[in-house]
Every structure is written in structure tokens, then in C-alpha cells.
Amino acid sequence: GSLPTVIPNIQLLYNPQMKSVYNFVPGVMGLILMLICAIMTSISIVREKETGTMEILLVSPARPLSVILSKAVPYFLLSIINLTTILLLSRFVLHVPIAGSLLGLLAVSLLFILVSLTLGLLISCVTEKQVVALLISGMLLMIPVAAVLYALLREITQKRLAVRNVDSEKLKPQPPE
């Protein structure tokens, strides 16, 4: 006997319209949040170390943990404002739907912000100069930036190839009917 024929049924479950904005908005959102949190936090604390005010703050009656938290809280609040702005712009300007739980998205985003702030604090602990903190933060953050740029350039290239293929099909001589 003959084997049964298998006919694949291919369906796009995520982004069936193939809109690139659905892919890039979450990536840019993470990039902006990480840049603000990690770079700005690390630079601000290292600046305090460079100018000598960190030592003054650490010998003050305030506990060292509260000094460090007071440096991180403004960037946490700034990141929450950034998150709100990005979500509103993506929903109402770019028309990217927020599928699933908004509360879950906010919870995961707040966790991401806290981890990014912690990364900035870690970088500030191992560096003594603002330039070094900026370079280390930049190098660590260039990995996701490079991935986003690669995806963007790949999509642009594929669209150009698709347009070329369509144009070349139009240019082929049509057989007489």
C-alpha cells in the first residue's frame, strides 16, 4: 500500500498580518527602559564617587542602603513614566494591541526595570570613573541593540527583495493570448 499524504496547514498564530511594528515596539520598549535604568544609575553613582560626595553620604547618619536606594528611586520613577508613555504611544499612535493581561505586562515590566536598575548599581560598584561606567554599560547594552538593528535591517532588506521580485515579474514579457 501507499502511504497517506500529509498536507501541512501553516498558520501564523502571532502577528498574522506580519506587521513589523508588532515586533519592534516591545524591543524598543525594553531598550529604552534598560538604557535609562542601567546607564543613568551607574553614571550618577560613579559621579558621586568621583566628586567625593559618596564618602560624605556614607559617613552620614543615613544607612548606606538608604543612600543607594535614594539614588535609584528617581530612575525607577522616571522608568515608570517612560513605560507609561511607551505603552500609550504604542497603543494609540502605533496601534499595537496589548494582548493578554495589562497587569501582567506591568508586573513583568516593573521586574525588568528593577533588574536594569540593579545592573546599573552593579556597574557602579565595579567602576571608579564615569567614562568606564558608560563604556561598560554601553558594551553590555549593545548586545540587544545589535539584535534589534539586525532584525530591522533584515526586514528592510527582505522587503526590498520582495519589491524587486514583484517589479521583475511585471517587467517580464507576457505571452500573447
Protein backbone atom coordinates (compact mmCIF):
# COMPACT_ATOMS: atom_id res chain seq x y z
CA GLY A 1 0.00 0.00 0.00
CA SER A 2 0.74 3.59 -0.38
CA LEU A 3 1.41 5.93 2.49
CA PRO A 4 -1.16 8.62 3.31
CA THR A 5 -0.34 12.08 2.01
CA VAL A 6 0.42 14.71 4.60
CA ILE A 7 -0.67 18.23 3.68
CA PRO A 8 0.79 20.84 6.01
CA ASN A 9 -1.55 23.58 7.22
CA ILE A 10 0.63 26.57 8.09
CA GLN A 11 -0.91 29.27 10.24
CA LEU A 12 0.68 32.31 11.81
CA LEU A 13 -0.56 32.46 15.37
CA TYR A 14 1.48 35.52 16.36
CA ASN A 15 1.14 38.60 14.19
CA PRO A 16 -0.73 37.03 11.25
CA GLN A 17 -0.77 40.41 9.44
CA MET A 18 3.09 40.38 9.54
CA LYS A 19 3.23 43.99 10.79
CA SER A 20 6.78 44.85 11.77
CA VAL A 21 5.66 47.38 14.37
CA TYR A 22 4.29 44.49 16.45
CA ASN A 23 7.81 43.09 16.67
CA PHE A 24 9.79 46.28 17.16
CA VAL A 25 7.74 48.12 19.79
CA PRO A 26 8.43 45.55 22.56
CA GLY A 27 12.13 45.52 21.66
CA VAL A 28 12.41 49.29 21.68
CA MET A 29 10.46 49.41 24.93
CA GLY A 30 12.97 47.10 26.62
CA LEU A 31 15.87 49.00 25.10
CA ILE A 32 14.69 52.39 26.36
CA LEU A 33 13.94 51.06 29.83
CA MET A 34 17.31 49.36 30.08
CA LEU A 35 19.20 52.39 28.77
CA ILE A 36 17.58 54.77 31.23
CA CYS A 37 17.92 52.44 34.18
CA ALA A 38 21.35 50.92 33.77
CA ILE A 39 23.35 53.74 32.22
CA MET A 40 21.90 56.64 34.17
CA THR A 41 22.01 54.82 37.51
CA SER A 42 25.59 53.68 37.08
CA ILE A 43 26.79 57.11 35.93
CA SER A 44 25.05 59.01 38.73
CA ILE A 45 26.53 56.86 41.48
CA VAL A 46 30.01 56.86 39.94
CA ARG A 47 29.79 60.66 39.64
CA GLU A 48 29.19 60.79 43.39
CA LYS A 49 32.24 58.57 43.91
CA GLU A 50 34.38 60.77 41.63
CA THR A 51 33.45 64.03 43.34
CA GLY A 52 33.88 62.53 46.81
CA THR A 53 30.32 63.17 47.93
CA MET A 54 29.58 59.43 48.17
CA GLU A 55 32.03 59.10 51.08
CA ILE A 56 30.36 62.06 52.81
CA LEU A 57 26.95 60.46 52.29
CA LEU A 58 28.15 57.09 53.56
CA VAL A 59 29.54 58.53 56.82
CA SER A 60 26.36 60.49 57.43
CA PRO A 61 23.74 59.16 59.88
CA ALA A 62 21.78 57.71 56.95
CA ARG A 63 22.29 54.00 56.34
CA PRO A 64 24.27 53.06 53.21
CA LEU A 65 21.29 51.13 51.83
CA SER A 66 19.06 54.19 52.06
CA VAL A 67 21.73 56.30 50.32
CA ILE A 68 21.90 53.84 47.42
CA LEU A 69 18.11 53.50 47.26
CA SER A 70 17.75 57.29 47.20
CA LYS A 71 19.98 57.30 44.12
CA ALA A 72 17.96 54.57 42.39
CA VAL A 73 14.39 55.69 43.18
CA PRO A 74 14.37 58.71 40.82
CA TYR A 75 15.40 56.49 37.91
CA PHE A 76 12.76 53.95 38.92
CA LEU A 77 10.10 56.67 38.81
CA LEU A 78 11.47 58.00 35.51
CA SER A 79 11.31 54.50 34.07
CA ILE A 80 7.69 54.09 35.17
CA ILE A 81 6.88 57.35 33.34
CA ASN A 82 8.77 56.03 30.30
CA LEU A 83 6.89 52.73 30.47
CA THR A 84 3.53 54.52 30.64
CA THR A 85 4.47 56.77 27.72
CA ILE A 86 5.68 53.87 25.60
CA LEU A 87 2.56 51.82 26.26
CA LEU A 88 0.26 54.75 25.44
CA LEU A 89 2.17 55.61 22.26
CA SER A 90 2.28 52.01 21.12
CA ARG A 91 -1.44 51.55 21.72
CA PHE A 92 -2.87 54.83 20.43
CA VAL A 93 -0.30 56.07 17.91
CA LEU A 94 1.22 52.88 16.50
CA HIS A 95 -1.98 50.80 17.03
CA VAL A 96 -0.18 47.85 18.60
CA PRO A 97 -2.74 45.86 20.58
CA ILE A 98 -1.91 44.81 24.11
CA ALA A 99 -3.00 41.19 24.10
CA GLY A 100 -3.25 39.45 27.42
CA SER A 101 -3.19 40.88 30.88
CA LEU A 102 -2.20 44.53 31.23
CA LEU A 103 -1.49 43.85 34.90
CA GLY A 104 0.84 41.01 33.94
CA LEU A 105 2.63 43.25 31.43
CA LEU A 106 3.08 45.93 34.07
CA ALA A 107 4.35 43.40 36.62
CA VAL A 108 6.92 41.96 34.22
CA SER A 109 7.94 45.47 33.11
CA LEU A 110 8.46 46.57 36.72
CA LEU A 111 10.57 43.47 37.32
CA PHE A 112 12.59 44.33 34.19
CA ILE A 113 13.08 47.89 35.47
CA LEU A 114 14.27 46.61 38.86
CA VAL A 115 16.73 44.20 37.22
CA SER A 116 18.03 47.00 34.97
CA LEU A 117 18.46 49.29 37.99
CA THR A 118 20.34 46.51 39.74
CA LEU A 119 22.57 46.13 36.70
CA GLY A 120 23.34 49.86 36.88
CA LEU A 121 24.12 49.56 40.60
CA LEU A 122 26.40 46.59 39.91
CA ILE A 123 28.27 48.52 37.24
CA SER A 124 28.67 51.47 39.60
CA CYS A 125 30.16 49.16 42.24
CA VAL A 126 32.93 47.88 39.98
CA THR A 127 33.89 51.18 38.34
CA GLU A 128 35.53 54.33 39.64
CA LYS A 129 35.15 56.66 36.61
CA GLN A 130 32.05 57.82 34.75
CA VAL A 131 33.63 57.06 31.39
CA VAL A 132 34.32 53.47 32.40
CA ALA A 133 30.77 53.08 33.72
CA LEU A 134 29.41 54.45 30.45
CA LEU A 135 31.60 52.13 28.37
CA ILE A 136 30.76 49.03 30.40
CA SER A 137 27.04 49.86 30.33
CA GLY A 138 27.24 50.57 26.62
CA MET A 139 29.03 47.31 25.87
CA LEU A 140 26.55 45.28 27.90
CA LEU A 141 23.61 47.05 26.29
CA MET A 142 24.98 46.85 22.75
CA ILE A 143 24.07 43.17 22.51
CA PRO A 144 20.30 43.82 22.48
CA VAL A 145 20.77 46.94 20.34
CA ALA A 146 22.71 44.95 17.78
CA ALA A 147 20.00 42.29 17.73
CA VAL A 148 17.25 44.88 17.16
CA LEU A 149 19.24 46.62 14.42
CA TYR A 150 19.99 43.30 12.75
CA ALA A 151 16.30 42.37 12.74
CA LEU A 152 15.35 45.80 11.38
CA LEU A 153 17.94 45.70 8.60
CA ARG A 154 16.98 42.15 7.71
CA GLU A 155 13.32 43.10 7.40
CA ILE A 156 14.12 46.15 5.27
CA THR A 157 16.31 44.02 3.02
CA GLN A 158 13.62 41.36 2.66
CA LYS A 159 11.00 43.98 1.76
CA ARG A 160 13.32 45.44 -0.89
CA LEU A 161 13.91 41.97 -2.32
CA ALA A 162 10.17 41.34 -2.37
CA VAL A 163 9.57 44.63 -4.16
CA ARG A 164 12.32 43.81 -6.67
CA ASN A 165 10.77 40.39 -7.32
CA VAL A 166 7.35 41.93 -7.88
CA ASP A 167 8.83 44.57 -10.18
CA SER A 168 10.80 41.99 -12.15
CA GLU A 169 7.63 39.90 -12.59
CA LYS A 170 5.88 42.95 -14.04
CA LEU A 171 8.77 43.58 -16.42
CA LYS A 172 8.73 40.06 -17.90
CA PRO A 173 7.06 39.93 -21.28
CA GLN A 174 3.61 38.43 -21.08
CA PRO A 175 2.75 35.64 -23.55
CA PRO A 176 0.19 36.65 -26.17
CA GLU A 177 -3.31 35.36 -25.54
